[in-house]
PDB file of all heavy atoms in Angstrom:
ATOM      1  N   ASP A   1      27.186   2.473   7.435  1.00  0.00           N
ATOM      2  CA  ASP A   1      27.584   3.519   8.367  1.00  0.00           C
ATOM      3  C   ASP A   1      28.159   4.729   7.636  1.00  0.00           C
ATOM      4  O   ASP A   1      28.762   5.598   8.239  1.00  0.00           O
ATOM      5  CB  ASP A   1      28.613   2.980   9.380  1.00  0.00           C
ATOM      6  CG  ASP A   1      29.886   2.450   8.721  1.00  0.00           C
ATOM      7  OD1 ASP A   1      29.981   2.501   7.463  1.00  0.00           O
ATOM      8  OD2 ASP A   1      30.771   1.972   9.449  1.00  0.00           O
ATOM      9  N   ARG A   2      27.936   4.784   6.316  1.00  0.00           N
ATOM     10  CA  ARG A   2      28.445   5.934   5.544  1.00  0.00           C
ATOM     11  C   ARG A   2      27.473   6.299   4.432  1.00  0.00           C
ATOM     12  O   ARG A   2      26.766   5.443   3.897  1.00  0.00           O
ATOM     13  CB  ARG A   2      29.826   5.619   4.971  1.00  0.00           C
ATOM     14  CG  ARG A   2      29.881   4.479   3.983  1.00  0.00           C
ATOM     15  CD  ARG A   2      31.290   3.946   3.860  1.00  0.00           C
ATOM     16  NE  ARG A   2      31.715   3.367   5.120  1.00  0.00           N
ATOM     17  CZ  ARG A   2      32.962   2.982   5.384  1.00  0.00           C
ATOM     18  NH1 ARG A   2      33.893   3.141   4.469  1.00  0.00           N
ATOM     19  NH2 ARG A   2      33.283   2.458   6.549  1.00  0.00           N
ATOM     20  N   VAL A   3      27.467   7.596   4.126  1.00  0.00           N
ATOM     21  CA  VAL A   3      26.597   8.092   3.061  1.00  0.00           C
ATOM     22  C   VAL A   3      26.987   7.464   1.733  1.00  0.00           C
ATOM     23  O   VAL A   3      28.174   7.219   1.465  1.00  0.00           O
ATOM     24  CB  VAL A   3      26.697   9.625   2.982  1.00  0.00           C
ATOM     25  CG1 VAL A   3      25.902  10.164   1.800  1.00  0.00           C
ATOM     26  CG2 VAL A   3      26.159  10.245   4.265  1.00  0.00           C
ATOM     27  N   PHE A   4      26.002   7.178   0.898  1.00  0.00           N
ATOM     28  CA  PHE A   4      26.145   6.601  -0.443  1.00  0.00           C
ATOM     29  C   PHE A   4      26.502   5.128  -0.417  1.00  0.00           C
ATOM     30  O   PHE A   4      26.918   4.565  -1.430  1.00  0.00           O
ATOM     31  CB  PHE A   4      27.152   7.392  -1.305  1.00  0.00           C
ATOM     32  CG  PHE A   4      26.911   8.871  -1.322  1.00  0.00           C
ATOM     33  CD1 PHE A   4      27.963   9.764  -1.213  1.00  0.00           C
ATOM     34  CD2 PHE A   4      25.614   9.376  -1.454  1.00  0.00           C
ATOM     35  CE1 PHE A   4      27.747  11.126  -1.230  1.00  0.00           C
ATOM     36  CE2 PHE A   4      25.389  10.740  -1.473  1.00  0.00           C
ATOM     37  CZ  PHE A   4      26.455  11.621  -1.359  1.00  0.00           C
ATOM     38  N   GLY A   5      26.320   4.505   0.728  1.00  0.00           N
ATOM     39  CA  GLY A   5      26.397   3.048   0.805  1.00  0.00           C
ATOM     40  C   GLY A   5      25.020   2.523   1.149  1.00  0.00           C
ATOM     41  O   GLY A   5      24.042   3.273   1.272  1.00  0.00           O
ATOM     42  N   GLY A   6      24.906   1.216   1.323  1.00  0.00           N
ATOM     43  CA  GLY A   6      23.651   0.618   1.759  1.00  0.00           C
ATOM     44  C   GLY A   6      22.508   0.807   0.784  1.00  0.00           C
ATOM     45  O   GLY A   6      22.704   1.053  -0.416  1.00  0.00           O
ATOM     46  N   ASN A   7      21.297   0.709   1.310  1.00  0.00           N
ATOM     47  CA  ASN A   7      20.087   0.769   0.486  1.00  0.00           C
ATOM     48  C   ASN A   7      19.355   2.080   0.754  1.00  0.00           C
ATOM     49  O   ASN A   7      19.041   2.412   1.901  1.00  0.00           O
ATOM     50  CB  ASN A   7      19.177  -0.420   0.810  1.00  0.00           C
ATOM     51  CG  ASN A   7      18.201  -0.708  -0.313  1.00  0.00           C
ATOM     52  OD1 ASN A   7      18.071   0.053  -1.247  1.00  0.00           O
ATOM     53  ND2 ASN A   7      17.496  -1.831  -0.202  1.00  0.00           N
ATOM     54  N   GLN A   8      19.057   2.800  -0.303  1.00  0.00           N
ATOM     55  CA  GLN A   8      18.374   4.095  -0.175  1.00  0.00           C
ATOM     56  C   GLN A   8      16.927   3.901   0.237  1.00  0.00           C
ATOM     57  O   GLN A   8      16.255   2.951  -0.173  1.00  0.00           O
ATOM     58  CB  GLN A   8      18.444   4.841  -1.497  1.00  0.00           C
ATOM     59  CG  GLN A   8      19.850   5.155  -1.971  1.00  0.00           C
ATOM     60  CD  GLN A   8      19.868   5.418  -3.468  1.00  0.00           C
ATOM     61  OE1 GLN A   8      19.727   4.508  -4.262  1.00  0.00           O
ATOM     62  NE2 GLN A   8      20.057   6.679  -3.844  1.00  0.00           N
ATOM     63  N   LEU A   9      16.438   4.826   1.037  1.00  0.00           N
ATOM     64  CA  LEU A   9      15.057   4.785   1.506  1.00  0.00           C
ATOM     65  C   LEU A   9      14.519   6.211   1.618  1.00  0.00           C
ATOM     66  O   LEU A   9      15.212   7.098   2.110  1.00  0.00           O
ATOM     67  CB  LEU A   9      14.978   4.125   2.893  1.00  0.00           C
ATOM     68  CG  LEU A   9      13.616   4.155   3.587  1.00  0.00           C
ATOM     69  CD1 LEU A   9      12.624   3.232   2.869  1.00  0.00           C
ATOM     70  CD2 LEU A   9      13.762   3.761   5.063  1.00  0.00           C
ATOM     71  N   ALA A  10      13.303   6.408   1.153  1.00  0.00           N
ATOM     72  CA  ALA A  10      12.583   7.663   1.398  1.00  0.00           C
ATOM     73  C   ALA A  10      11.499   7.397   2.429  1.00  0.00           C
ATOM     74  O   ALA A  10      10.795   6.384   2.357  1.00  0.00           O
ATOM     75  CB  ALA A  10      11.981   8.201   0.111  1.00  0.00           C
ATOM     76  N   VAL A  11      11.356   8.306   3.392  1.00  0.00           N
ATOM     77  CA  VAL A  11      10.362   8.179   4.455  1.00  0.00           C
ATOM     78  C   VAL A  11       9.527   9.444   4.494  1.00  0.00           C
ATOM     79  O   VAL A  11      10.072  10.552   4.535  1.00  0.00           O
ATOM     80  CB  VAL A  11      11.033   7.953   5.823  1.00  0.00           C
ATOM     81  CG1 VAL A  11       9.980   7.859   6.935  1.00  0.00           C
ATOM     82  CG2 VAL A  11      11.919   6.712   5.813  1.00  0.00           C
ATOM     83  N   LEU A  12       8.206   9.279   4.488  1.00  0.00           N
ATOM     84  CA  LEU A  12       7.302  10.402   4.745  1.00  0.00           C
ATOM     85  C   LEU A  12       6.821  10.228   6.188  1.00  0.00           C
ATOM     86  O   LEU A  12       5.992   9.367   6.471  1.00  0.00           O
ATOM     87  CB  LEU A  12       6.134  10.397   3.756  1.00  0.00           C
ATOM     88  CG  LEU A  12       6.411  11.106   2.413  1.00  0.00           C
ATOM     89  CD1 LEU A  12       7.402  10.304   1.571  1.00  0.00           C
ATOM     90  CD2 LEU A  12       5.115  11.321   1.651  1.00  0.00           C
ATOM     91  N   PRO A  13       7.335  11.034   7.130  1.00  0.00           N
ATOM     92  CA  PRO A  13       7.046  10.821   8.554  1.00  0.00           C
ATOM     93  C   PRO A  13       5.581  11.011   8.914  1.00  0.00           C
ATOM     94  O   PRO A  13       5.132  10.461   9.935  1.00  0.00           O
ATOM     95  CB  PRO A  13       7.923  11.851   9.260  1.00  0.00           C
ATOM     96  CG  PRO A  13       8.986  12.193   8.275  1.00  0.00           C
ATOM     97  CD  PRO A  13       8.327  12.090   6.940  1.00  0.00           C
ATOM     98  N   ASP A  14       4.836  11.768   8.149  1.00  0.00           N
ATOM     99  CA  ASP A  14       3.405  11.964   8.385  1.00  0.00           C
ATOM    100  C   ASP A  14       2.699  11.932   7.044  1.00  0.00           C
ATOM    101  O   ASP A  14       2.662  12.929   6.321  1.00  0.00           O
ATOM    102  CB  ASP A  14       3.157  13.283   9.101  1.00  0.00           C
ATOM    103  CG  ASP A  14       1.675  13.467   9.479  1.00  0.00           C
ATOM    104  OD1 ASP A  14       0.848  12.624   9.074  1.00  0.00           O
ATOM    105  OD2 ASP A  14       1.366  14.459  10.153  1.00  0.00           O
ATOM    106  N   ALA A  15       2.129  10.759   6.708  1.00  0.00           N
ATOM    107  CA  ALA A  15       1.519  10.571   5.397  1.00  0.00           C
ATOM    108  C   ALA A  15       0.008  10.638   5.433  1.00  0.00           C
ATOM    109  O   ALA A  15      -0.654  10.217   4.482  1.00  0.00           O
ATOM    110  CB  ALA A  15       1.979   9.227   4.813  1.00  0.00           C
ATOM    111  N   ARG A  16      -0.543  11.173   6.517  1.00  0.00           N
ATOM    112  CA  ARG A  16      -1.999  11.265   6.607  1.00  0.00           C
ATOM    113  C   ARG A  16      -2.559  12.060   5.435  1.00  0.00           C
ATOM    114  O   ARG A  16      -2.026  13.105   5.078  1.00  0.00           O
ATOM    115  CB  ARG A  16      -2.397  11.896   7.937  1.00  0.00           C
ATOM    116  CG  ARG A  16      -2.223  10.980   9.139  1.00  0.00           C
ATOM    117  CD  ARG A  16      -2.536  11.684  10.442  1.00  0.00           C
ATOM    118  NE  ARG A  16      -1.543  12.705  10.755  1.00  0.00           N
ATOM    119  CZ  ARG A  16      -1.571  13.458  11.855  1.00  0.00           C
ATOM    120  NH1 ARG A  16      -2.543  13.286  12.748  1.00  0.00           N
ATOM    121  NH2 ARG A  16      -0.628  14.351  12.077  1.00  0.00           N
ATOM    122  N   GLY A  17      -3.652  11.550   4.842  1.00  0.00           N
ATOM    123  CA  GLY A  17      -4.268  12.202   3.698  1.00  0.00           C
ATOM    124  C   GLY A  17      -3.885  11.607   2.364  1.00  0.00           C
ATOM    125  O   GLY A  17      -4.525  11.925   1.341  1.00  0.00           O
ATOM    126  N   LEU A  18      -2.855  10.738   2.341  1.00  0.00           N
ATOM    127  CA  LEU A  18      -2.450  10.111   1.085  1.00  0.00           C
ATOM    128  C   LEU A  18      -3.181   8.789   0.900  1.00  0.00           C
ATOM    129  O   LEU A  18      -3.290   7.992   1.841  1.00  0.00           O
ATOM    130  CB  LEU A  18      -0.941   9.870   1.088  1.00  0.00           C
ATOM    131  CG  LEU A  18      -0.036  11.109   1.143  1.00  0.00           C
ATOM    132  CD1 LEU A  18       1.411  10.702   1.221  1.00  0.00           C
ATOM    133  CD2 LEU A  18      -0.288  12.009  -0.060  1.00  0.00           C
ATOM    134  N   ASP A  19      -3.662   8.540  -0.308  1.00  0.00           N
ATOM    135  CA  ASP A  19      -4.280   7.255  -0.606  1.00  0.00           C
ATOM    136  C   ASP A  19      -3.277   6.382  -1.381  1.00  0.00           C
ATOM    137  O   ASP A  19      -2.181   6.827  -1.741  1.00  0.00           O
ATOM    138  CB  ASP A  19      -5.586   7.418  -1.381  1.00  0.00           C
ATOM    139  CG  ASP A  19      -5.400   8.141  -2.722  1.00  0.00           C
ATOM    140  OD1 ASP A  19      -4.257   8.274  -3.207  1.00  0.00           O
ATOM    141  OD2 ASP A  19      -6.419   8.575  -3.289  1.00  0.00           O
ATOM    142  N   ALA A  20      -3.663   5.134  -1.642  1.00  0.00           N
ATOM    143  CA  ALA A  20      -2.742   4.184  -2.249  1.00  0.00           C
ATOM    144  C   ALA A  20      -2.256   4.633  -3.626  1.00  0.00           C
ATOM    145  O   ALA A  20      -1.046   4.544  -3.908  1.00  0.00           O
ATOM    146  CB  ALA A  20      -3.383   2.797  -2.310  1.00  0.00           C
ATOM    147  N   PRO A  21      -3.133   5.102  -4.532  1.00  0.00           N
ATOM    148  CA  PRO A  21      -2.600   5.519  -5.831  1.00  0.00           C
ATOM    149  C   PRO A  21      -1.592   6.651  -5.745  1.00  0.00           C
ATOM    150  O   PRO A  21      -0.593   6.672  -6.482  1.00  0.00           O
ATOM    151  CB  PRO A  21      -3.862   5.963  -6.600  1.00  0.00           C
ATOM    152  CG  PRO A  21      -4.974   5.192  -5.959  1.00  0.00           C
ATOM    153  CD  PRO A  21      -4.617   5.113  -4.516  1.00  0.00           C
ATOM    154  N   LEU A  22      -1.819   7.598  -4.812  1.00  0.00           N
ATOM    155  CA  LEU A  22      -0.874   8.691  -4.682  1.00  0.00           C
ATOM    156  C   LEU A  22       0.440   8.213  -4.060  1.00  0.00           C
ATOM    157  O   LEU A  22       1.518   8.645  -4.467  1.00  0.00           O
ATOM    158  CB  LEU A  22      -1.495   9.815  -3.843  1.00  0.00           C
ATOM    159  CG  LEU A  22      -0.810  11.178  -3.897  1.00  0.00           C
ATOM    160  CD1 LEU A  22      -0.489  11.603  -5.319  1.00  0.00           C
ATOM    161  CD2 LEU A  22      -1.674  12.211  -3.198  1.00  0.00           C
ATOM    162  N   MET A  23       0.347   7.300  -3.081  1.00  0.00           N
ATOM    163  CA  MET A  23       1.585   6.738  -2.514  1.00  0.00           C
ATOM    164  C   MET A  23       2.368   5.993  -3.575  1.00  0.00           C
ATOM    165  O   MET A  23       3.602   6.072  -3.631  1.00  0.00           O
ATOM    166  CB  MET A  23       1.244   5.834  -1.319  1.00  0.00           C
ATOM    167  CG  MET A  23       0.839   6.601  -0.078  1.00  0.00           C
ATOM    168  SD  MET A  23       0.651   5.552   1.389  1.00  0.00           S
ATOM    169  CE  MET A  23      -1.034   4.963   1.137  1.00  0.00           C
ATOM    170  N   GLN A  24       1.669   5.269  -4.424  1.00  0.00           N
ATOM    171  CA  GLN A  24       2.363   4.563  -5.510  1.00  0.00           C
ATOM    172  C   GLN A  24       3.044   5.524  -6.452  1.00  0.00           C
ATOM    173  O   GLN A  24       4.190   5.316  -6.885  1.00  0.00           O
ATOM    174  CB  GLN A  24       1.379   3.676  -6.279  1.00  0.00           C
ATOM    175  CG  GLN A  24       2.031   2.826  -7.359  1.00  0.00           C
ATOM    176  CD  GLN A  24       2.974   1.797  -6.778  1.00  0.00           C
ATOM    177  OE1 GLN A  24       2.559   0.783  -6.243  1.00  0.00           O
ATOM    178  NE2 GLN A  24       4.287   2.072  -6.854  1.00  0.00           N
ATOM    179  N   ALA A  25       2.367   6.627  -6.784  1.00  0.00           N
ATOM    180  CA  ALA A  25       2.961   7.626  -7.665  1.00  0.00           C
ATOM    181  C   ALA A  25       4.199   8.261  -7.030  1.00  0.00           C
ATOM    182  O   ALA A  25       5.197   8.522  -7.707  1.00  0.00           O
ATOM    183  CB  ALA A  25       1.928   8.699  -7.998  1.00  0.00           C
ATOM    184  N   ILE A  26       4.143   8.505  -5.721  1.00  0.00           N
ATOM    185  CA  ILE A  26       5.306   9.086  -5.023  1.00  0.00           C
ATOM    186  C   ILE A  26       6.462   8.107  -5.025  1.00  0.00           C
ATOM    187  O   ILE A  26       7.623   8.489  -5.250  1.00  0.00           O
ATOM    188  CB  ILE A  26       4.904   9.476  -3.576  1.00  0.00           C
ATOM    189  CG1 ILE A  26       3.926  10.651  -3.612  1.00  0.00           C
ATOM    190  CG2 ILE A  26       6.149   9.829  -2.758  1.00  0.00           C
ATOM    191  CD1 ILE A  26       3.272  10.939  -2.275  1.00  0.00           C
ATOM    192  N   ALA A  27       6.179   6.822  -4.789  1.00  0.00           N
ATOM    193  CA  ALA A  27       7.238   5.812  -4.828  1.00  0.00           C
ATOM    194  C   ALA A  27       7.886   5.742  -6.199  1.00  0.00           C
ATOM    195  O   ALA A  27       9.115   5.599  -6.325  1.00  0.00           O
ATOM    196  CB  ALA A  27       6.671   4.450  -4.423  1.00  0.00           C
ATOM    197  N   ARG A  28       7.071   5.861  -7.253  1.00  0.00           N
ATOM    198  CA  ARG A  28       7.651   5.876  -8.600  1.00  0.00           C
ATOM    199  C   ARG A  28       8.483   7.133  -8.834  1.00  0.00           C
ATOM    200  O   ARG A  28       9.493   7.104  -9.522  1.00  0.00           O
ATOM    201  CB  ARG A  28       6.542   5.770  -9.651  1.00  0.00           C
ATOM    202  CG  ARG A  28       5.959   4.378  -9.806  1.00  0.00           C
ATOM    203  CD  ARG A  28       5.163   4.250 -11.092  1.00  0.00           C
ATOM    204  NE  ARG A  28       4.011   5.147 -11.118  1.00  0.00           N
ATOM    205  CZ  ARG A  28       2.782   4.800 -10.731  1.00  0.00           C
ATOM    206  NH1 ARG A  28       2.551   3.566 -10.277  1.00  0.00           N
ATOM    207  NH2 ARG A  28       1.796   5.663 -10.777  1.00  0.00           N
ATOM    208  N   GLU A  29       8.044   8.241  -8.255  1.00  0.00           N
ATOM    209  CA  GLU A  29       8.796   9.495  -8.412  1.00  0.00           C
ATOM    210  C   GLU A  29      10.166   9.391  -7.740  1.00  0.00           C
ATOM    211  O   GLU A  29      11.172   9.800  -8.325  1.00  0.00           O
ATOM    212  CB  GLU A  29       7.998  10.657  -7.819  1.00  0.00           C
ATOM    213  CG  GLU A  29       8.669  12.015  -7.951  1.00  0.00           C
ATOM    214  CD  GLU A  29       8.655  12.556  -9.374  1.00  0.00           C
ATOM    215  OE1 GLU A  29       7.937  11.995 -10.227  1.00  0.00           O
ATOM    216  OE2 GLU A  29       9.367  13.538  -9.631  1.00  0.00           O
TER     217      GLU A  29
END
């Protein structure tokens, strides 16, 4: 319930057009 706690997550709300290799590269980034 507070910033800088818990588990960090990045979300791309609209990922249309991305393929698996590019998604993997973004996750590594």
